[in-house]
Amino acid sequence: MRSILVLNPKGGCGKSTLVTTLAGYYAERGKSVVLADFDPQGSSMDWVAGRPADHPPIRAVAAWEEPLRVPKDTDYLIIDSPAAIHNHRVMGDLLRRAQSVIIPVLPSPIDMRHAARFVAEMMELRRVVNQEVKLCTVANRVRDHTLAAASLSGYLESLKLPDGHKLPFLTVLRASQNYVHAAERGLSIFEFARSATLPDREQWEPVLRWLNSTRSQP
């Protein structure tokens, strides 16, 4: 079973959008998907509840209020983390469940400064709970061809791990209305017509390549 965690304690960075996009992507490809929502806001749970019956099913667990029991036939466990999480015990529990961690970062100075501190914190915690979990970053909700986009990309490209190696920065995901329309319908952009979502699909390709490679796995 592959387990993928989307994690950033900074609220409003688009974690649930990444989680639901990935869940829809793998479900549409015939995989058995469980979406574990640890965020009491329940955005991912609401997305699954609104999913059309004629699309591949996704099992959802309100993990903030009930034990997470993953069926044995699960191919992909996608984990949505809560916002404003600063408790090391809670973060450690989430990391223990994950093989791959995606950290979304918004194009603002505050978010970029926060990202550096958070990555350092994750690296320290990773040594305590699961030395092998793999981390990466993505720039999220970015407006095309802006100074903020260029600044964020350059910043994430420069982030390094404590051993001096670069922290993988995978892609820039634009602020697209396709994500809004998908959320409204309980779908992923990968379940819309390819012609209507091609720019967004292309931006996701580096993420999917990383997740489907050994580089993202312990």
N, C-alpha and C. Protein backbone atom coordinates (compact mmCIF):
# COMPACT_ATOMS: atom_id res chain seq x y z
N MET A 1 0.84 -1.21 0.00
CA MET A 1 0.00 0.00 0.00
C MET A 1 0.87 1.25 0.00
N ARG A 2 0.55 2.19 -0.86
CA ARG A 2 1.23 3.48 -0.87
C ARG A 2 0.50 4.44 0.04
N SER A 3 1.24 5.17 0.85
CA SER A 3 0.64 6.16 1.74
C SER A 3 1.26 7.53 1.48
N ILE A 4 0.40 8.50 1.19
CA ILE A 4 0.83 9.85 0.80
C ILE A 4 0.18 10.86 1.73
N LEU A 5 0.99 11.67 2.36
CA LEU A 5 0.52 12.69 3.30
C LEU A 5 0.74 14.07 2.72
N VAL A 6 -0.29 14.91 2.75
CA VAL A 6 -0.16 16.31 2.38
C VAL A 6 -0.17 17.11 3.68
N LEU A 7 0.93 17.81 3.94
CA LEU A 7 1.15 18.36 5.27
C LEU A 7 1.73 19.76 5.21
N ASN A 8 1.10 20.67 5.92
CA ASN A 8 1.62 22.00 6.19
C ASN A 8 0.71 22.62 7.24
N PRO A 9 1.24 22.97 8.41
CA PRO A 9 0.38 23.53 9.46
C PRO A 9 -0.16 24.92 9.14
N LYS A 10 0.36 25.54 8.09
CA LYS A 10 -0.14 26.86 7.68
C LYS A 10 -1.50 26.69 7.01
N GLY A 11 -2.53 27.30 7.56
CA GLY A 11 -3.86 27.18 6.99
C GLY A 11 -3.99 27.85 5.64
N GLY A 12 -4.92 27.37 4.83
CA GLY A 12 -5.23 28.00 3.56
C GLY A 12 -4.23 27.76 2.45
N CYS A 13 -3.38 26.73 2.59
CA CYS A 13 -2.37 26.50 1.56
C CYS A 13 -2.82 25.50 0.50
N GLY A 14 -4.06 25.04 0.57
CA GLY A 14 -4.60 24.18 -0.47
C GLY A 14 -4.33 22.70 -0.28
N LYS A 15 -4.18 22.26 0.97
CA LYS A 15 -3.91 20.84 1.21
C LYS A 15 -5.02 19.95 0.68
N SER A 16 -6.27 20.32 0.98
CA SER A 16 -7.39 19.47 0.58
C SER A 16 -7.51 19.36 -0.94
N THR A 17 -7.16 20.42 -1.65
CA THR A 17 -7.20 20.36 -3.11
C THR A 17 -6.20 19.34 -3.63
N LEU A 18 -5.01 19.32 -3.07
CA LEU A 18 -4.01 18.33 -3.48
C LEU A 18 -4.47 16.92 -3.13
N VAL A 19 -5.02 16.76 -1.94
CA VAL A 19 -5.48 15.44 -1.49
C VAL A 19 -6.58 14.90 -2.40
N THR A 20 -7.57 15.72 -2.69
CA THR A 20 -8.69 15.24 -3.51
C THR A 20 -8.27 15.03 -4.96
N THR A 21 -7.34 15.84 -5.44
CA THR A 21 -6.84 15.64 -6.80
C THR A 21 -6.14 14.29 -6.91
N LEU A 22 -5.30 13.97 -5.94
CA LEU A 22 -4.60 12.69 -5.96
C LEU A 22 -5.57 11.52 -5.79
N ALA A 23 -6.53 11.65 -4.88
CA ALA A 23 -7.49 10.57 -4.67
C ALA A 23 -8.28 10.29 -5.94
N GLY A 24 -8.73 11.35 -6.61
CA GLY A 24 -9.48 11.17 -7.86
C GLY A 24 -8.61 10.59 -8.96
N TYR A 25 -7.35 11.01 -9.01
CA TYR A 25 -6.43 10.51 -10.03
C TYR A 25 -6.27 9.00 -9.93
N TYR A 26 -5.98 8.51 -8.72
CA TYR A 26 -5.74 7.08 -8.57
C TYR A 26 -7.03 6.27 -8.67
N ALA A 27 -8.14 6.82 -8.17
CA ALA A 27 -9.41 6.10 -8.29
C ALA A 27 -9.82 5.94 -9.75
N GLU A 28 -9.62 7.00 -10.53
CA GLU A 28 -9.99 6.96 -11.94
C GLU A 28 -9.17 5.91 -12.69
N ARG A 29 -8.02 5.56 -12.15
CA ARG A 29 -7.16 4.55 -12.77
C ARG A 29 -7.38 3.17 -12.20
N GLY A 30 -8.49 3.00 -11.50
CA GLY A 30 -8.89 1.68 -11.03
C GLY A 30 -8.26 1.24 -9.72
N LYS A 31 -7.61 2.15 -9.01
CA LYS A 31 -6.99 1.81 -7.75
C LYS A 31 -8.00 1.91 -6.60
N SER A 32 -7.77 1.11 -5.57
CA SER A 32 -8.58 1.18 -4.35
C SER A 32 -8.00 2.28 -3.46
N VAL A 33 -8.78 3.33 -3.23
CA VAL A 33 -8.29 4.54 -2.55
C VAL A 33 -9.06 4.78 -1.25
N VAL A 34 -8.31 5.05 -0.20
CA VAL A 34 -8.89 5.50 1.07
C VAL A 34 -8.38 6.91 1.34
N LEU A 35 -9.28 7.82 1.63
CA LEU A 35 -8.93 9.19 1.96
C LEU A 35 -9.15 9.38 3.45
N ALA A 36 -8.06 9.62 4.18
CA ALA A 36 -8.14 9.83 5.62
C ALA A 36 -8.07 11.33 5.91
N ASP A 37 -9.17 11.87 6.42
CA ASP A 37 -9.26 13.30 6.69
C ASP A 37 -9.04 13.54 8.18
N PHE A 38 -7.88 14.10 8.54
CA PHE A 38 -7.56 14.42 9.93
C PHE A 38 -7.94 15.85 10.29
N ASP A 39 -8.49 16.59 9.35
CA ASP A 39 -8.84 17.99 9.58
C ASP A 39 -10.30 18.10 10.02
N PRO A 40 -10.57 18.60 11.23
CA PRO A 40 -11.96 18.71 11.70
C PRO A 40 -12.86 19.55 10.81
N GLN A 41 -12.29 20.37 9.94
CA GLN A 41 -13.13 21.12 8.99
C GLN A 41 -13.83 20.18 8.01
N GLY A 42 -13.25 19.02 7.77
CA GLY A 42 -13.90 18.00 6.97
C GLY A 42 -14.05 18.31 5.49
N SER A 43 -13.17 19.13 4.94
CA SER A 43 -13.30 19.50 3.53
C SER A 43 -13.19 18.29 2.61
N SER A 44 -12.25 17.41 2.90
CA SER A 44 -12.08 16.22 2.07
C SER A 44 -13.27 15.26 2.22
N MET A 45 -13.79 15.15 3.42
CA MET A 45 -14.98 14.32 3.65
C MET A 45 -16.16 14.85 2.84
N ASP A 46 -16.33 16.18 2.84
CA ASP A 46 -17.42 16.79 2.08
C ASP A 46 -17.26 16.51 0.58
N TRP A 47 -16.00 16.53 0.11
CA TRP A 47 -15.73 16.26 -1.30
C TRP A 47 -16.15 14.85 -1.66
N VAL A 48 -15.80 13.88 -0.83
CA VAL A 48 -16.18 12.49 -1.09
C VAL A 48 -17.69 12.33 -1.04
N ALA A 49 -18.34 13.00 -0.08
CA ALA A 49 -19.80 12.91 0.04
C ALA A 49 -20.51 13.43 -1.21
N GLY A 50 -19.89 14.39 -1.89
CA GLY A 50 -20.50 14.96 -3.08
C GLY A 50 -20.11 14.26 -4.36
N ARG A 51 -19.40 13.14 -4.25
CA ARG A 51 -18.90 12.44 -5.42
C ARG A 51 -20.02 11.72 -6.16
N PRO A 52 -20.11 11.87 -7.48
CA PRO A 52 -21.17 11.20 -8.25
C PRO A 52 -21.08 9.68 -8.15
N ALA A 53 -22.22 9.02 -8.12
CA ALA A 53 -22.26 7.58 -7.96
C ALA A 53 -21.71 6.84 -9.18
N ASP A 54 -21.70 7.50 -10.34
CA ASP A 54 -21.22 6.83 -11.55
C ASP A 54 -19.71 6.97 -11.76
N HIS A 55 -18.99 7.46 -10.74
CA HIS A 55 -17.54 7.56 -10.81
C HIS A 55 -16.92 6.55 -9.83
N PRO A 56 -15.66 6.18 -10.04
CA PRO A 56 -15.03 5.19 -9.16
C PRO A 56 -15.12 5.62 -7.70
N PRO A 57 -15.49 4.69 -6.82
CA PRO A 57 -15.69 5.05 -5.41
C PRO A 57 -14.37 5.32 -4.70
N ILE A 58 -14.46 6.18 -3.69
CA ILE A 58 -13.34 6.48 -2.79
C ILE A 58 -13.87 6.36 -1.37
N ARG A 59 -13.20 5.55 -0.58
CA ARG A 59 -13.61 5.40 0.82
C ARG A 59 -13.01 6.52 1.65
N ALA A 60 -13.82 7.12 2.51
CA ALA A 60 -13.37 8.25 3.32
C ALA A 60 -13.52 7.92 4.80
N VAL A 61 -12.55 8.40 5.58
CA VAL A 61 -12.57 8.20 7.03
C VAL A 61 -12.40 9.55 7.71
N ALA A 62 -13.31 9.87 8.62
CA ALA A 62 -13.19 11.10 9.41
C ALA A 62 -12.19 10.81 10.53
N ALA A 63 -10.91 10.83 10.18
CA ALA A 63 -9.87 10.34 11.09
C ALA A 63 -9.64 11.25 12.29
N TRP A 64 -10.20 12.46 12.27
CA TRP A 64 -10.03 13.34 13.43
C TRP A 64 -10.94 12.89 14.59
N GLU A 65 -11.93 12.02 14.30
CA GLU A 65 -12.85 11.64 15.36
C GLU A 65 -13.03 10.14 15.52
N GLU A 66 -12.42 9.34 14.65
CA GLU A 66 -12.55 7.89 14.76
C GLU A 66 -11.22 7.24 14.37
N PRO A 67 -10.96 6.04 14.89
CA PRO A 67 -9.69 5.37 14.56
C PRO A 67 -9.58 5.12 13.06
N LEU A 68 -8.37 5.25 12.55
CA LEU A 68 -8.13 5.01 11.14
C LEU A 68 -7.79 3.53 10.95
N ARG A 69 -8.72 2.81 10.36
CA ARG A 69 -8.50 1.40 10.04
C ARG A 69 -8.54 1.27 8.53
N VAL A 70 -7.42 0.92 7.95
CA VAL A 70 -7.30 0.88 6.50
C VAL A 70 -7.55 -0.55 6.02
N PRO A 71 -8.52 -0.76 5.14
CA PRO A 71 -8.78 -2.11 4.61
C PRO A 71 -7.55 -2.69 3.93
N LYS A 72 -7.43 -4.01 4.00
CA LYS A 72 -6.25 -4.68 3.46
C LYS A 72 -6.13 -4.54 1.95
N ASP A 73 -7.25 -4.33 1.27
CA ASP A 73 -7.21 -4.26 -0.19
C ASP A 73 -6.90 -2.85 -0.70
N THR A 74 -6.52 -1.93 0.20
CA THR A 74 -6.24 -0.55 -0.19
C THR A 74 -4.95 -0.45 -0.99
N ASP A 75 -5.02 0.23 -2.13
CA ASP A 75 -3.82 0.49 -2.93
C ASP A 75 -3.15 1.80 -2.52
N TYR A 76 -3.99 2.83 -2.24
CA TYR A 76 -3.46 4.16 -1.91
C TYR A 76 -4.21 4.72 -0.71
N LEU A 77 -3.44 5.12 0.29
CA LEU A 77 -3.96 5.88 1.42
C LEU A 77 -3.51 7.32 1.25
N ILE A 78 -4.47 8.23 1.08
CA ILE A 78 -4.17 9.66 0.92
C ILE A 78 -4.61 10.37 2.19
N ILE A 79 -3.69 11.10 2.83
CA ILE A 79 -3.95 11.66 4.14
C ILE A 79 -3.99 13.18 4.07
N ASP A 80 -5.11 13.75 4.54
CA ASP A 80 -5.28 15.21 4.64
C ASP A 80 -5.02 15.61 6.08
N SER A 81 -4.03 16.44 6.32
CA SER A 81 -3.65 16.83 7.68
C SER A 81 -4.43 18.05 8.13
N PRO A 82 -4.54 18.24 9.45
CA PRO A 82 -5.25 19.42 9.96
C PRO A 82 -4.43 20.69 9.82
N ALA A 83 -5.11 21.82 9.82
CA ALA A 83 -4.44 23.12 9.82
C ALA A 83 -4.03 23.48 11.24
N ALA A 84 -3.09 24.42 11.35
CA ALA A 84 -2.64 24.95 12.64
C ALA A 84 -2.19 23.84 13.59
N ILE A 85 -1.47 22.86 13.05
CA ILE A 85 -0.97 21.76 13.86
C ILE A 85 0.48 22.06 14.27
N HIS A 86 0.70 22.13 15.57
CA HIS A 86 2.04 22.42 16.09
C HIS A 86 2.45 21.42 17.16
N ASN A 87 1.61 20.43 17.38
CA ASN A 87 1.89 19.41 18.37
C ASN A 87 2.78 18.33 17.76
N HIS A 88 3.97 18.13 18.32
CA HIS A 88 4.91 17.17 17.75
C HIS A 88 4.38 15.74 17.83
N ARG A 89 3.59 15.45 18.84
CA ARG A 89 3.03 14.10 18.94
C ARG A 89 2.08 13.83 17.79
N VAL A 90 1.23 14.82 17.48
CA VAL A 90 0.27 14.65 16.37
C VAL A 90 1.00 14.56 15.04
N MET A 91 1.97 15.46 14.83
CA MET A 91 2.73 15.43 13.58
C MET A 91 3.52 14.13 13.46
N GLY A 92 4.06 13.66 14.56
CA GLY A 92 4.79 12.41 14.54
C GLY A 92 3.90 11.24 14.17
N ASP A 93 2.67 11.25 14.67
CA ASP A 93 1.73 10.18 14.34
C ASP A 93 1.40 10.18 12.84
N LEU A 94 1.24 11.37 12.27
CA LEU A 94 0.96 11.47 10.84
C LEU A 94 2.16 10.98 10.02
N LEU A 95 3.37 11.37 10.42
CA LEU A 95 4.55 10.95 9.69
C LEU A 95 4.75 9.44 9.74
N ARG A 96 4.40 8.83 10.85
CA ARG A 96 4.55 7.37 10.95
C ARG A 96 3.67 6.64 9.95
N ARG A 97 2.59 7.26 9.54
CA ARG A 97 1.67 6.62 8.61
C ARG A 97 2.08 6.81 7.16
N ALA A 98 3.05 7.69 6.90
CA ALA A 98 3.32 8.12 5.53
C ALA A 98 4.63 7.54 4.99
N GLN A 99 4.62 7.30 3.69
CA GLN A 99 5.85 7.01 2.96
C GLN A 99 6.36 8.27 2.25
N SER A 100 5.42 9.07 1.76
CA SER A 100 5.75 10.28 0.99
C SER A 100 4.97 11.45 1.56
N VAL A 101 5.64 12.60 1.69
CA VAL A 101 5.00 13.81 2.22
C VAL A 101 5.13 14.93 1.20
N ILE A 102 4.00 15.53 0.85
CA ILE A 102 3.98 16.68 -0.05
C ILE A 102 3.67 17.92 0.79
N ILE A 103 4.52 18.94 0.68
CA ILE A 103 4.35 20.18 1.43
C ILE A 103 3.98 21.30 0.45
N PRO A 104 2.72 21.73 0.44
CA PRO A 104 2.34 22.84 -0.45
C PRO A 104 2.68 24.19 0.18
N VAL A 105 3.19 25.10 -0.64
CA VAL A 105 3.59 26.42 -0.15
C VAL A 105 2.98 27.49 -1.05
N LEU A 106 2.42 28.53 -0.44
CA LEU A 106 1.80 29.62 -1.19
C LEU A 106 2.83 30.70 -1.53
N PRO A 107 2.56 31.49 -2.58
CA PRO A 107 3.51 32.53 -3.01
C PRO A 107 3.39 33.82 -2.21
N SER A 108 3.78 33.77 -0.95
CA SER A 108 3.80 34.98 -0.13
C SER A 108 5.03 34.92 0.77
N PRO A 109 5.60 36.08 1.14
CA PRO A 109 6.78 36.07 2.02
C PRO A 109 6.54 35.35 3.33
N ILE A 110 5.35 35.52 3.89
CA ILE A 110 5.04 34.87 5.17
C ILE A 110 5.08 33.35 5.01
N ASP A 111 4.45 32.86 3.94
CA ASP A 111 4.41 31.41 3.72
C ASP A 111 5.80 30.85 3.43
N MET A 112 6.60 31.61 2.71
CA MET A 112 7.94 31.12 2.39
C MET A 112 8.82 31.04 3.65
N ARG A 113 8.73 32.07 4.49
CA ARG A 113 9.51 32.02 5.74
C ARG A 113 9.05 30.87 6.62
N HIS A 114 7.74 30.68 6.67
CA HIS A 114 7.19 29.59 7.46
C HIS A 114 7.64 28.24 6.92
N ALA A 115 7.73 28.11 5.59
CA ALA A 115 8.11 26.84 4.98
C ALA A 115 9.50 26.41 5.41
N ALA A 116 10.44 27.34 5.47
CA ALA A 116 11.81 27.00 5.87
C ALA A 116 11.84 26.45 7.29
N ARG A 117 11.11 27.11 8.20
CA ARG A 117 11.07 26.63 9.58
C ARG A 117 10.40 25.27 9.68
N PHE A 118 9.34 25.11 8.91
CA PHE A 118 8.58 23.87 8.98
C PHE A 118 9.38 22.69 8.42
N VAL A 119 10.09 22.90 7.32
CA VAL A 119 10.91 21.84 6.75
C VAL A 119 11.99 21.41 7.75
N ALA A 120 12.62 22.37 8.39
CA ALA A 120 13.64 22.04 9.40
C ALA A 120 13.03 21.23 10.54
N GLU A 121 11.83 21.62 10.95
CA GLU A 121 11.13 20.91 12.02
C GLU A 121 10.81 19.48 11.59
N MET A 122 10.35 19.32 10.34
CA MET A 122 10.01 18.00 9.83
C MET A 122 11.24 17.09 9.76
N MET A 123 12.36 17.64 9.35
CA MET A 123 13.57 16.84 9.25
C MET A 123 14.01 16.34 10.63
N GLU A 124 13.88 17.20 11.62
CA GLU A 124 14.24 16.79 12.97
C GLU A 124 13.28 15.72 13.47
N LEU A 125 11.99 15.93 13.23
CA LEU A 125 10.98 14.97 13.68
C LEU A 125 11.09 13.66 12.91
N ARG A 126 11.45 13.74 11.64
CA ARG A 126 11.58 12.54 10.83
C ARG A 126 12.63 11.59 11.39
N ARG A 127 13.70 12.15 11.92
CA ARG A 127 14.75 11.31 12.51
C ARG A 127 14.25 10.56 13.73
N VAL A 128 13.26 11.15 14.40
CA VAL A 128 12.74 10.55 15.62
C VAL A 128 11.72 9.45 15.31
N VAL A 129 10.83 9.70 14.32
CA VAL A 129 9.70 8.79 14.12
C VAL A 129 9.83 7.88 12.91
N ASN A 130 10.45 8.35 11.85
CA ASN A 130 10.52 7.53 10.63
C ASN A 130 11.59 8.11 9.74
N GLN A 131 12.77 7.57 9.83
CA GLN A 131 13.92 8.16 9.14
C GLN A 131 13.78 8.12 7.62
N GLU A 132 12.94 7.22 7.13
CA GLU A 132 12.91 6.98 5.70
C GLU A 132 11.82 7.75 4.95
N VAL A 133 10.90 8.38 5.63
CA VAL A 133 9.83 9.09 4.93
C VAL A 133 10.43 10.16 4.01
N LYS A 134 9.89 10.28 2.81
CA LYS A 134 10.42 11.19 1.81
C LYS A 134 9.59 12.48 1.74
N LEU A 135 10.26 13.63 1.66
CA LEU A 135 9.60 14.93 1.62
C LEU A 135 9.81 15.60 0.27
N CYS A 136 8.82 16.41 -0.13
CA CYS A 136 8.98 17.27 -1.30
C CYS A 136 8.11 18.50 -1.10
N THR A 137 8.34 19.53 -1.92
CA THR A 137 7.50 20.73 -1.88
C THR A 137 6.87 20.97 -3.25
N VAL A 138 5.73 21.66 -3.23
CA VAL A 138 5.12 22.16 -4.46
C VAL A 138 4.68 23.60 -4.20
N ALA A 139 4.80 24.43 -5.20
CA ALA A 139 4.25 25.79 -5.12
C ALA A 139 2.78 25.70 -5.51
N ASN A 140 1.91 26.24 -4.69
CA ASN A 140 0.47 26.04 -4.90
C ASN A 140 -0.27 27.37 -5.02
N ARG A 141 -1.36 27.33 -5.80
CA ARG A 141 -2.23 28.49 -6.01
C ARG A 141 -1.45 29.71 -6.51
N VAL A 142 -0.65 29.47 -7.52
CA VAL A 142 0.22 30.51 -8.06
C VAL A 142 -0.40 31.11 -9.31
N ARG A 143 -0.37 32.42 -9.40
CA ARG A 143 -0.83 33.09 -10.63
C ARG A 143 0.28 33.07 -11.66
N ASP A 144 -0.10 32.72 -12.88
CA ASP A 144 0.89 32.57 -13.95
C ASP A 144 1.65 33.87 -14.21
N HIS A 145 2.96 33.73 -14.47
CA HIS A 145 3.81 34.82 -14.96
C HIS A 145 3.80 36.04 -14.03
N THR A 146 3.91 35.79 -12.73
CA THR A 146 3.98 36.88 -11.76
C THR A 146 5.33 36.85 -11.05
N LEU A 147 5.71 38.00 -10.47
CA LEU A 147 6.95 38.05 -9.70
C LEU A 147 6.88 37.13 -8.49
N ALA A 148 5.68 37.02 -7.91
CA ALA A 148 5.52 36.14 -6.75
C ALA A 148 5.78 34.69 -7.12
N ALA A 149 5.33 34.30 -8.31
CA ALA A 149 5.55 32.93 -8.77
C ALA A 149 7.04 32.66 -8.95
N ALA A 150 7.74 33.59 -9.58
CA ALA A 150 9.17 33.43 -9.80
C ALA A 150 9.94 33.40 -8.47
N SER A 151 9.52 34.26 -7.55
CA SER A 151 10.18 34.33 -6.25
C SER A 151 10.01 33.03 -5.47
N LEU A 152 8.79 32.50 -5.47
CA LEU A 152 8.51 31.26 -4.74
C LEU A 152 9.27 30.09 -5.37
N SER A 153 9.26 30.01 -6.68
CA SER A 153 9.97 28.92 -7.35
C SER A 153 11.46 28.94 -7.01
N GLY A 154 12.06 30.13 -7.08
CA GLY A 154 13.48 30.25 -6.74
C GLY A 154 13.76 29.88 -5.30
N TYR A 155 12.86 30.27 -4.42
CA TYR A 155 13.03 29.98 -3.00
C TYR A 155 12.97 28.48 -2.74
N LEU A 156 11.95 27.82 -3.29
CA LEU A 156 11.80 26.39 -3.05
C LEU A 156 12.93 25.58 -3.71
N GLU A 157 13.42 26.09 -4.83
CA GLU A 157 14.56 25.44 -5.48
C GLU A 157 15.81 25.47 -4.59
N SER A 158 15.89 26.48 -3.72
CA SER A 158 17.10 26.66 -2.91
C SER A 158 17.07 25.91 -1.58
N LEU A 159 15.90 25.39 -1.19
CA LEU A 159 15.80 24.71 0.10
C LEU A 159 16.63 23.43 0.10
N LYS A 160 17.37 23.23 1.18
CA LYS A 160 18.22 22.06 1.29
C LYS A 160 17.91 21.28 2.57
N LEU A 161 18.21 20.00 2.49
CA LEU A 161 18.10 19.13 3.65
C LEU A 161 19.34 19.31 4.53
N PRO A 162 19.27 18.87 5.79
CA PRO A 162 20.43 19.02 6.68
C PRO A 162 21.71 18.38 6.15
N ASP A 163 21.58 17.35 5.30
CA ASP A 163 22.79 16.71 4.78
C ASP A 163 23.35 17.44 3.56
N GLY A 164 22.74 18.57 3.19
CA GLY A 164 23.22 19.37 2.07
C GLY A 164 22.56 19.07 0.76
N HIS A 165 21.81 17.98 0.67
CA HIS A 165 21.10 17.66 -0.55
C HIS A 165 19.88 18.56 -0.71
N LYS A 166 19.49 18.78 -1.95
CA LYS A 166 18.32 19.62 -2.20
C LYS A 166 17.05 18.91 -1.78
N LEU A 167 16.14 19.66 -1.18
CA LEU A 167 14.80 19.15 -0.93
C LEU A 167 14.05 19.18 -2.26
N PRO A 168 13.51 18.06 -2.73
CA PRO A 168 12.84 18.06 -4.03
C PRO A 168 11.72 19.10 -4.12
N PHE A 169 11.84 20.00 -5.07
CA PHE A 169 10.77 20.94 -5.43
C PHE A 169 10.23 20.46 -6.76
N LEU A 170 8.96 20.07 -6.78
CA LEU A 170 8.44 19.32 -7.92
C LEU A 170 7.78 20.16 -9.00
N THR A 171 6.97 21.14 -8.61
CA THR A 171 6.19 21.83 -9.63
C THR A 171 5.53 23.09 -9.08
N VAL A 172 4.99 23.87 -10.01
CA VAL A 172 4.16 25.04 -9.69
C VAL A 172 2.75 24.73 -10.15
N LEU A 173 1.80 24.75 -9.22
CA LEU A 173 0.40 24.52 -9.54
C LEU A 173 -0.32 25.86 -9.58
N ARG A 174 -0.90 26.18 -10.71
CA ARG A 174 -1.51 27.49 -10.88
C ARG A 174 -2.85 27.59 -10.14
N ALA A 175 -3.27 28.81 -9.88
CA ALA A 175 -4.58 29.08 -9.31
C ALA A 175 -5.61 28.96 -10.44
N SER A 176 -6.20 27.79 -10.57
CA SER A 176 -7.07 27.48 -11.70
C SER A 176 -8.51 27.27 -11.24
N GLN A 177 -9.45 27.77 -12.02
CA GLN A 177 -10.86 27.55 -11.73
C GLN A 177 -11.25 26.08 -11.90
N ASN A 178 -10.44 25.32 -12.59
CA ASN A 178 -10.74 23.89 -12.75
C ASN A 178 -10.79 23.19 -11.40
N TYR A 179 -9.96 23.61 -10.45
CA TYR A 179 -9.97 23.01 -9.12
C TYR A 179 -11.26 23.36 -8.38
N VAL A 180 -11.74 24.57 -8.59
CA VAL A 180 -12.99 25.00 -7.96
C VAL A 180 -14.15 24.18 -8.51
N HIS A 181 -14.21 24.03 -9.82
CA HIS A 181 -15.29 23.25 -10.44
C HIS A 181 -15.22 21.79 -10.01
N ALA A 182 -14.00 21.25 -9.90
CA ALA A 182 -13.85 19.86 -9.48
C ALA A 182 -14.34 19.67 -8.04
N ALA A 183 -13.97 20.60 -7.16
CA ALA A 183 -14.37 20.51 -5.76
C ALA A 183 -15.89 20.55 -5.61
N GLU A 184 -16.53 21.36 -6.41
CA GLU A 184 -17.99 21.49 -6.36
C GLU A 184 -18.69 20.19 -6.71
N ARG A 185 -18.06 19.36 -7.53
CA ARG A 185 -18.70 18.16 -8.05
C ARG A 185 -18.16 16.86 -7.44
N GLY A 186 -17.25 16.96 -6.49
CA GLY A 186 -16.69 15.75 -5.91
C GLY A 186 -15.79 15.00 -6.87
N LEU A 187 -15.13 15.74 -7.77
CA LEU A 187 -14.28 15.13 -8.78
C LEU A 187 -12.86 15.68 -8.69
N SER A 188 -11.98 15.05 -9.44
CA SER A 188 -10.61 15.52 -9.62
C SER A 188 -10.49 16.11 -11.01
N ILE A 189 -9.51 16.99 -11.22
CA ILE A 189 -9.31 17.53 -12.56
C ILE A 189 -9.00 16.41 -13.56
N PHE A 190 -8.50 15.28 -13.07
CA PHE A 190 -8.19 14.16 -13.95
C PHE A 190 -9.43 13.39 -14.38
N GLU A 191 -10.58 13.79 -13.85
CA GLU A 191 -11.84 13.16 -14.24
C GLU A 191 -12.68 14.09 -15.12
N PHE A 192 -12.10 15.22 -15.52
CA PHE A 192 -12.70 16.10 -16.51
C PHE A 192 -12.09 15.79 -17.87
N ALA A 193 -12.67 16.37 -18.91
CA ALA A 193 -12.12 16.19 -20.25
C ALA A 193 -10.67 16.67 -20.28
N ARG A 194 -9.82 15.88 -20.90
CA ARG A 194 -8.40 16.21 -20.95
C ARG A 194 -8.17 17.57 -21.61
N SER A 195 -8.92 17.86 -22.65
CA SER A 195 -8.73 19.12 -23.37
C SER A 195 -9.03 20.33 -22.49
N ALA A 196 -9.94 20.18 -21.53
CA ALA A 196 -10.33 21.29 -20.67
C ALA A 196 -9.37 21.51 -19.51
N THR A 197 -8.55 20.51 -19.21
CA THR A 197 -7.68 20.60 -18.03
C THR A 197 -6.21 20.36 -18.38
N LEU A 198 -5.87 20.45 -19.65
CA LEU A 198 -4.52 20.09 -20.07
C LEU A 198 -3.42 20.88 -19.35
N PRO A 199 -3.51 22.22 -19.22
CA PRO A 199 -2.44 22.94 -18.51
C PRO A 199 -2.25 22.47 -17.08
N ASP A 200 -3.35 22.16 -16.40
CA ASP A 200 -3.26 21.69 -15.01
C ASP A 200 -2.68 20.29 -14.96
N ARG A 201 -3.09 19.43 -15.86
CA ARG A 201 -2.54 18.07 -15.91
C ARG A 201 -1.03 18.11 -16.13
N GLU A 202 -0.58 18.98 -17.02
CA GLU A 202 0.85 19.07 -17.30
C GLU A 202 1.63 19.51 -16.07
N GLN A 203 1.05 20.42 -15.28
CA GLN A 203 1.73 20.86 -14.07
C GLN A 203 1.82 19.75 -13.02
N TRP A 204 0.89 18.81 -13.07
CA TRP A 204 0.89 17.70 -12.12
C TRP A 204 1.86 16.59 -12.51
N GLU A 205 2.31 16.56 -13.73
CA GLU A 205 3.14 15.44 -14.20
C GLU A 205 4.39 15.21 -13.33
N PRO A 206 5.13 16.28 -12.93
CA PRO A 206 6.31 16.01 -12.07
C PRO A 206 5.94 15.40 -10.72
N VAL A 207 4.79 15.77 -10.18
CA VAL A 207 4.34 15.20 -8.91
C VAL A 207 4.05 13.71 -9.07
N LEU A 208 3.33 13.37 -10.14
CA LEU A 208 2.96 11.97 -10.35
C LEU A 208 4.18 11.11 -10.67
N ARG A 209 5.13 11.68 -11.43
CA ARG A 209 6.35 10.93 -11.70
C ARG A 209 7.10 10.64 -10.41
N TRP A 210 7.19 11.64 -9.54
CA TRP A 210 7.89 11.46 -8.26
C TRP A 210 7.19 10.42 -7.41
N LEU A 211 5.87 10.51 -7.30
CA LEU A 211 5.13 9.56 -6.48
C LEU A 211 5.21 8.14 -7.01
N ASN A 212 5.31 8.00 -8.31
CA ASN A 212 5.35 6.68 -8.93
C ASN A 212 6.77 6.14 -9.09
N SER A 213 7.75 6.87 -8.55
CA SER A 213 9.14 6.44 -8.63
C SER A 213 9.64 5.99 -7.26
N THR A 214 10.77 5.30 -7.27
CA THR A 214 11.36 4.85 -6.01
C THR A 214 11.91 6.01 -5.19
N ARG A 215 12.11 7.17 -5.82
CA ARG A 215 12.65 8.34 -5.10
C ARG A 215 11.72 8.83 -4.02
N SER A 216 10.43 8.54 -4.14
CA SER A 216 9.46 9.02 -3.17
C SER A 216 9.11 7.98 -2.11
N GLN A 217 9.77 6.83 -2.16
CA GLN A 217 9.42 5.74 -1.27
C GLN A 217 10.60 5.34 -0.39
N PRO A 218 10.31 4.92 0.84
CA PRO A 218 11.37 4.47 1.76
C PRO A 218 12.14 3.28 1.18
